[in-house]
Amino acid sequence: MNSIAEAQNEVCQKFGADFLRCDDWLKVGISRNFDPHRYPINGLRHPPEGDTTGWYIWSGDRFSQDDDFFVPSHAAHLRDSCPMILKYLGLAPGWRFLLAPGWEDVWFDASLLNID
């Protein structure tokens, strides 16, 4: 395992979550207004489909269900734009995180598994 996958596995063990690798070539949904310096940084993971990870990531308090709120981006781009969240991307579908300076909240949300 590489160091990012090891860090992801450690986070999963810490929170009692299953590990599901987030490959760099797969896509995440990232909000159009994402700013890695605007907190909190939020992430939630639906079950992956096709070439996606199931991850949706946004910054700030505003979440929108508008069709154009999220845009696809390869997970590899997060290595440069927001490396602090990489260790959370191994959390299995149904998991969420909320991060801010000095704050880490990670929890399971079963409703994320039902995406009809």
N, C-alpha and C. Protein backbone atom coordinates (compact mmCIF):
# COMPACT_ATOMS: atom_id res chain seq x y z
N MET A 1 0.84 -1.18 0.00
CA MET A 1 0.00 0.00 0.00
C MET A 1 0.88 1.24 0.00
N ASN A 2 0.45 2.26 -0.75
CA ASN A 2 1.23 3.50 -0.73
C ASN A 2 0.85 4.32 0.51
N SER A 3 1.56 5.40 0.74
CA SER A 3 1.35 6.15 1.98
C SER A 3 -0.04 6.76 2.08
N ILE A 4 -0.63 7.20 0.96
CA ILE A 4 -1.98 7.75 1.02
C ILE A 4 -2.98 6.65 1.36
N ALA A 5 -2.86 5.50 0.73
CA ALA A 5 -3.76 4.39 1.03
C ALA A 5 -3.58 3.94 2.48
N GLU A 6 -2.37 3.97 2.99
CA GLU A 6 -2.12 3.62 4.39
C GLU A 6 -2.81 4.61 5.32
N ALA A 7 -2.70 5.90 5.01
CA ALA A 7 -3.35 6.93 5.82
C ALA A 7 -4.87 6.78 5.76
N GLN A 8 -5.40 6.45 4.57
CA GLN A 8 -6.83 6.24 4.43
C GLN A 8 -7.27 5.04 5.28
N ASN A 9 -6.51 3.99 5.25
CA ASN A 9 -6.83 2.80 6.04
C ASN A 9 -6.80 3.12 7.53
N GLU A 10 -5.85 3.93 7.96
CA GLU A 10 -5.76 4.31 9.37
C GLU A 10 -7.00 5.10 9.81
N VAL A 11 -7.47 6.01 8.95
CA VAL A 11 -8.68 6.77 9.27
C VAL A 11 -9.87 5.83 9.40
N CYS A 12 -9.96 4.88 8.50
CA CYS A 12 -11.06 3.91 8.56
C CYS A 12 -11.01 3.12 9.86
N GLN A 13 -9.83 2.68 10.25
CA GLN A 13 -9.69 1.93 11.50
C GLN A 13 -10.06 2.80 12.70
N LYS A 14 -9.65 4.06 12.67
CA LYS A 14 -9.94 4.99 13.77
C LYS A 14 -11.44 5.14 14.00
N PHE A 15 -12.21 5.18 12.91
CA PHE A 15 -13.65 5.41 13.03
C PHE A 15 -14.49 4.15 12.86
N GLY A 16 -13.84 3.01 12.70
CA GLY A 16 -14.58 1.76 12.55
C GLY A 16 -15.30 1.64 11.22
N ALA A 17 -14.73 2.26 10.20
CA ALA A 17 -15.34 2.26 8.86
C ALA A 17 -14.68 1.21 7.98
N ASP A 18 -15.45 0.71 7.03
CA ASP A 18 -14.86 -0.14 6.00
C ASP A 18 -14.00 0.73 5.10
N PHE A 19 -12.96 0.14 4.54
CA PHE A 19 -12.04 0.83 3.63
C PHE A 19 -12.43 0.51 2.19
N LEU A 20 -12.58 1.55 1.39
CA LEU A 20 -12.78 1.41 -0.05
C LEU A 20 -11.87 2.41 -0.72
N ARG A 21 -10.83 1.89 -1.31
CA ARG A 21 -9.80 2.72 -1.96
C ARG A 21 -10.41 3.73 -2.92
N CYS A 22 -9.83 4.90 -2.95
CA CYS A 22 -10.24 5.97 -3.85
C CYS A 22 -9.11 6.17 -4.86
N ASP A 23 -9.24 5.54 -6.02
CA ASP A 23 -8.18 5.61 -7.03
C ASP A 23 -8.12 6.99 -7.68
N ASP A 24 -6.91 7.45 -7.96
CA ASP A 24 -6.68 8.78 -8.53
C ASP A 24 -7.40 9.03 -9.85
N TRP A 25 -7.56 8.00 -10.66
CA TRP A 25 -8.15 8.19 -11.99
C TRP A 25 -9.67 8.26 -11.95
N LEU A 26 -10.26 7.95 -10.80
CA LEU A 26 -11.71 8.06 -10.67
C LEU A 26 -12.11 9.50 -10.36
N LYS A 27 -13.37 9.81 -10.56
CA LYS A 27 -13.85 11.18 -10.39
C LYS A 27 -14.57 11.39 -9.07
N VAL A 28 -14.42 12.59 -8.55
CA VAL A 28 -15.18 13.07 -7.40
C VAL A 28 -16.06 14.20 -7.91
N GLY A 29 -17.13 14.46 -7.20
CA GLY A 29 -17.93 15.65 -7.47
C GLY A 29 -17.44 16.73 -6.54
N ILE A 30 -17.03 17.85 -7.10
CA ILE A 30 -16.52 18.94 -6.27
C ILE A 30 -17.33 20.19 -6.58
N SER A 31 -17.69 20.94 -5.57
CA SER A 31 -18.54 22.11 -5.80
C SER A 31 -17.80 23.15 -6.64
N ARG A 32 -18.57 23.85 -7.44
CA ARG A 32 -17.99 24.89 -8.30
C ARG A 32 -17.28 25.96 -7.48
N ASN A 33 -17.77 26.22 -6.29
CA ASN A 33 -17.18 27.28 -5.46
C ASN A 33 -16.20 26.74 -4.41
N PHE A 34 -15.70 25.52 -4.61
CA PHE A 34 -14.80 24.91 -3.64
C PHE A 34 -13.56 25.77 -3.44
N ASP A 35 -13.26 26.00 -2.17
CA ASP A 35 -12.07 26.75 -1.78
C ASP A 35 -11.46 26.03 -0.58
N PRO A 36 -10.28 25.45 -0.72
CA PRO A 36 -9.70 24.69 0.38
C PRO A 36 -9.35 25.54 1.60
N HIS A 37 -9.49 26.86 1.48
CA HIS A 37 -9.21 27.75 2.61
C HIS A 37 -10.49 28.28 3.24
N ARG A 38 -11.65 27.80 2.75
CA ARG A 38 -12.94 28.20 3.31
C ARG A 38 -13.52 27.00 4.07
N TYR A 39 -13.80 27.21 5.32
CA TYR A 39 -14.23 26.11 6.18
C TYR A 39 -15.69 26.26 6.55
N PRO A 40 -16.31 25.15 6.91
CA PRO A 40 -15.76 23.81 6.96
C PRO A 40 -15.63 23.20 5.57
N ILE A 41 -14.79 22.18 5.48
CA ILE A 41 -14.71 21.37 4.26
C ILE A 41 -15.52 20.11 4.54
N ASN A 42 -16.45 19.84 3.63
CA ASN A 42 -17.40 18.75 3.80
C ASN A 42 -17.22 17.70 2.72
N GLY A 43 -17.43 16.46 3.09
CA GLY A 43 -17.42 15.38 2.11
C GLY A 43 -18.43 14.32 2.49
N LEU A 44 -19.06 13.75 1.48
CA LEU A 44 -19.97 12.62 1.69
C LEU A 44 -19.77 11.64 0.56
N ARG A 45 -19.98 10.35 0.87
CA ARG A 45 -19.73 9.32 -0.15
C ARG A 45 -20.97 8.46 -0.37
N HIS A 46 -21.48 8.55 -1.60
CA HIS A 46 -22.51 7.66 -2.08
C HIS A 46 -21.82 6.42 -2.67
N PRO A 47 -22.57 5.37 -2.97
CA PRO A 47 -21.96 4.23 -3.64
C PRO A 47 -21.38 4.65 -5.00
N PRO A 48 -20.17 4.20 -5.34
CA PRO A 48 -19.56 4.57 -6.62
C PRO A 48 -20.32 3.95 -7.80
N GLU A 49 -20.29 4.66 -8.90
CA GLU A 49 -20.89 4.17 -10.15
C GLU A 49 -19.95 4.49 -11.29
N GLY A 50 -19.76 3.54 -12.20
CA GLY A 50 -18.91 3.79 -13.37
C GLY A 50 -17.53 4.24 -12.99
N ASP A 51 -17.15 5.43 -13.48
CA ASP A 51 -15.81 5.96 -13.23
C ASP A 51 -15.79 7.00 -12.11
N THR A 52 -16.75 6.89 -11.17
CA THR A 52 -16.79 7.83 -10.06
C THR A 52 -16.45 7.13 -8.74
N THR A 53 -16.04 7.92 -7.77
CA THR A 53 -15.73 7.41 -6.43
C THR A 53 -16.95 7.40 -5.53
N GLY A 54 -17.95 8.21 -5.87
CA GLY A 54 -19.10 8.41 -5.00
C GLY A 54 -18.93 9.61 -4.08
N TRP A 55 -17.73 10.21 -4.06
CA TRP A 55 -17.46 11.36 -3.19
C TRP A 55 -18.01 12.66 -3.77
N TYR A 56 -18.60 13.47 -2.88
CA TYR A 56 -19.02 14.84 -3.19
C TYR A 56 -18.40 15.72 -2.12
N ILE A 57 -17.71 16.77 -2.56
CA ILE A 57 -16.92 17.60 -1.66
C ILE A 57 -17.26 19.06 -1.90
N TRP A 58 -17.44 19.82 -0.81
CA TRP A 58 -17.72 21.24 -0.91
C TRP A 58 -17.14 21.95 0.31
N SER A 59 -17.01 23.26 0.21
CA SER A 59 -16.50 24.05 1.33
C SER A 59 -17.55 25.07 1.74
N GLY A 60 -17.50 25.43 3.00
CA GLY A 60 -18.45 26.39 3.55
C GLY A 60 -19.72 25.71 4.04
N ASP A 61 -20.66 26.53 4.46
CA ASP A 61 -21.91 26.03 5.04
C ASP A 61 -22.99 25.78 4.00
N ARG A 62 -22.80 26.28 2.80
CA ARG A 62 -23.83 26.18 1.78
C ARG A 62 -23.73 24.88 0.99
N PHE A 63 -24.80 24.11 1.02
CA PHE A 63 -24.93 22.90 0.21
C PHE A 63 -26.14 23.10 -0.68
N SER A 64 -26.00 22.74 -1.93
CA SER A 64 -27.10 22.90 -2.87
C SER A 64 -27.37 21.58 -3.57
N GLN A 65 -28.61 21.33 -3.87
CA GLN A 65 -28.98 20.16 -4.66
C GLN A 65 -29.21 20.55 -6.11
N ASP A 66 -28.79 21.75 -6.50
CA ASP A 66 -28.87 22.17 -7.89
C ASP A 66 -28.03 21.22 -8.75
N ASP A 67 -28.51 20.93 -9.94
CA ASP A 67 -27.82 20.01 -10.83
C ASP A 67 -26.40 20.44 -11.17
N ASP A 68 -26.12 21.74 -11.13
CA ASP A 68 -24.79 22.21 -11.52
C ASP A 68 -23.93 22.63 -10.33
N PHE A 69 -24.32 22.28 -9.10
CA PHE A 69 -23.53 22.64 -7.92
C PHE A 69 -22.19 21.92 -7.92
N PHE A 70 -22.19 20.64 -8.32
CA PHE A 70 -20.97 19.84 -8.36
C PHE A 70 -20.50 19.64 -9.79
N VAL A 71 -19.18 19.64 -9.97
CA VAL A 71 -18.59 19.33 -11.27
C VAL A 71 -17.63 18.15 -11.07
N PRO A 72 -17.46 17.33 -12.09
CA PRO A 72 -16.55 16.18 -11.94
C PRO A 72 -15.08 16.61 -12.01
N SER A 73 -14.27 15.95 -11.22
CA SER A 73 -12.83 16.19 -11.23
C SER A 73 -12.16 14.89 -10.81
N HIS A 74 -11.02 14.61 -11.41
CA HIS A 74 -10.31 13.39 -11.02
C HIS A 74 -9.78 13.55 -9.60
N ALA A 75 -9.85 12.48 -8.84
CA ALA A 75 -9.39 12.50 -7.46
C ALA A 75 -7.93 12.94 -7.36
N ALA A 76 -7.14 12.66 -8.38
CA ALA A 76 -5.72 13.04 -8.37
C ALA A 76 -5.52 14.54 -8.20
N HIS A 77 -6.46 15.35 -8.67
CA HIS A 77 -6.31 16.81 -8.55
C HIS A 77 -6.37 17.28 -7.11
N LEU A 78 -6.96 16.48 -6.24
CA LEU A 78 -7.03 16.86 -4.82
C LEU A 78 -5.66 16.80 -4.16
N ARG A 79 -4.73 16.06 -4.75
CA ARG A 79 -3.36 16.01 -4.18
C ARG A 79 -2.75 17.42 -4.13
N ASP A 80 -3.07 18.24 -5.13
CA ASP A 80 -2.53 19.60 -5.17
C ASP A 80 -3.48 20.61 -4.53
N SER A 81 -4.78 20.48 -4.82
CA SER A 81 -5.72 21.51 -4.38
C SER A 81 -6.11 21.40 -2.91
N CYS A 82 -6.15 20.18 -2.36
CA CYS A 82 -6.59 20.03 -0.97
C CYS A 82 -6.05 18.73 -0.37
N PRO A 83 -4.75 18.62 -0.20
CA PRO A 83 -4.17 17.36 0.28
C PRO A 83 -4.64 16.94 1.67
N MET A 84 -5.13 17.86 2.47
CA MET A 84 -5.55 17.51 3.83
C MET A 84 -6.74 16.55 3.86
N ILE A 85 -7.52 16.46 2.77
CA ILE A 85 -8.68 15.57 2.79
C ILE A 85 -8.39 14.18 2.23
N LEU A 86 -7.22 13.99 1.64
CA LEU A 86 -6.92 12.71 1.00
C LEU A 86 -7.08 11.52 1.94
N LYS A 87 -6.69 11.68 3.18
CA LYS A 87 -6.73 10.55 4.11
C LYS A 87 -8.16 10.12 4.44
N TYR A 88 -9.15 10.94 4.15
CA TYR A 88 -10.55 10.58 4.42
C TYR A 88 -11.22 9.88 3.24
N LEU A 89 -10.60 9.90 2.09
CA LEU A 89 -11.25 9.39 0.87
C LEU A 89 -11.30 7.88 0.77
N GLY A 90 -10.75 7.16 1.73
CA GLY A 90 -10.88 5.71 1.77
C GLY A 90 -12.10 5.25 2.56
N LEU A 91 -12.80 6.19 3.20
CA LEU A 91 -14.02 5.84 3.91
C LEU A 91 -15.04 5.27 2.93
N ALA A 92 -15.67 4.20 3.31
CA ALA A 92 -16.62 3.51 2.43
C ALA A 92 -17.88 4.36 2.21
N PRO A 93 -18.68 3.99 1.21
CA PRO A 93 -19.95 4.68 0.99
C PRO A 93 -20.79 4.71 2.27
N GLY A 94 -21.46 5.83 2.47
CA GLY A 94 -22.27 6.05 3.66
C GLY A 94 -21.56 6.91 4.70
N TRP A 95 -20.30 7.20 4.48
CA TRP A 95 -19.53 8.00 5.44
C TRP A 95 -19.44 9.45 5.01
N ARG A 96 -19.31 10.31 5.99
CA ARG A 96 -19.19 11.76 5.79
C ARG A 96 -18.04 12.29 6.63
N PHE A 97 -17.55 13.46 6.25
CA PHE A 97 -16.59 14.16 7.10
C PHE A 97 -16.85 15.65 7.04
N LEU A 98 -16.44 16.34 8.09
CA LEU A 98 -16.49 17.79 8.18
C LEU A 98 -15.21 18.21 8.87
N LEU A 99 -14.44 19.07 8.21
CA LEU A 99 -13.12 19.46 8.71
C LEU A 99 -13.00 20.98 8.79
N ALA A 100 -12.33 21.44 9.81
CA ALA A 100 -11.97 22.84 9.98
C ALA A 100 -10.71 22.86 10.84
N PRO A 101 -10.02 23.99 10.89
CA PRO A 101 -8.82 24.03 11.73
C PRO A 101 -9.14 23.59 13.17
N GLY A 102 -8.45 22.56 13.63
CA GLY A 102 -8.65 22.04 14.98
C GLY A 102 -9.94 21.22 15.15
N TRP A 103 -10.60 20.89 14.05
CA TRP A 103 -11.86 20.16 14.14
C TRP A 103 -11.92 19.04 13.11
N GLU A 104 -12.32 17.86 13.55
CA GLU A 104 -12.48 16.70 12.68
C GLU A 104 -13.74 15.97 13.13
N ASP A 105 -14.71 15.86 12.24
CA ASP A 105 -15.92 15.11 12.53
C ASP A 105 -16.13 14.11 11.40
N VAL A 106 -16.25 12.84 11.74
CA VAL A 106 -16.44 11.77 10.77
C VAL A 106 -17.56 10.88 11.30
N TRP A 107 -18.57 10.62 10.44
CA TRP A 107 -19.69 9.81 10.90
C TRP A 107 -20.33 9.06 9.74
N PHE A 108 -21.09 8.02 10.12
CA PHE A 108 -21.80 7.20 9.15
C PHE A 108 -23.22 7.74 9.00
N ASP A 109 -23.68 7.83 7.76
CA ASP A 109 -25.02 8.31 7.44
C ASP A 109 -25.64 7.32 6.44
N ALA A 110 -26.43 6.41 6.95
CA ALA A 110 -27.00 5.34 6.12
C ALA A 110 -27.84 5.88 4.97
N SER A 111 -28.38 7.08 5.09
CA SER A 111 -29.22 7.64 4.02
C SER A 111 -28.42 7.85 2.74
N LEU A 112 -27.10 7.94 2.84
CA LEU A 112 -26.27 8.14 1.65
C LEU A 112 -26.23 6.90 0.77
N LEU A 113 -26.63 5.78 1.31
CA LEU A 113 -26.61 4.53 0.54
C LEU A 113 -27.84 4.38 -0.35
N ASN A 114 -28.86 5.19 -0.10
CA ASN A 114 -30.11 5.15 -0.88
C ASN A 114 -30.16 6.35 -1.82
N ILE A 115 -29.71 6.16 -3.04
CA ILE A 115 -29.62 7.31 -3.97
C ILE A 115 -30.54 7.15 -5.18
N ASP A 116 -31.74 6.64 -4.94
CA ASP A 116 -32.69 6.45 -6.05
C ASP A 116 -33.07 7.74 -6.72
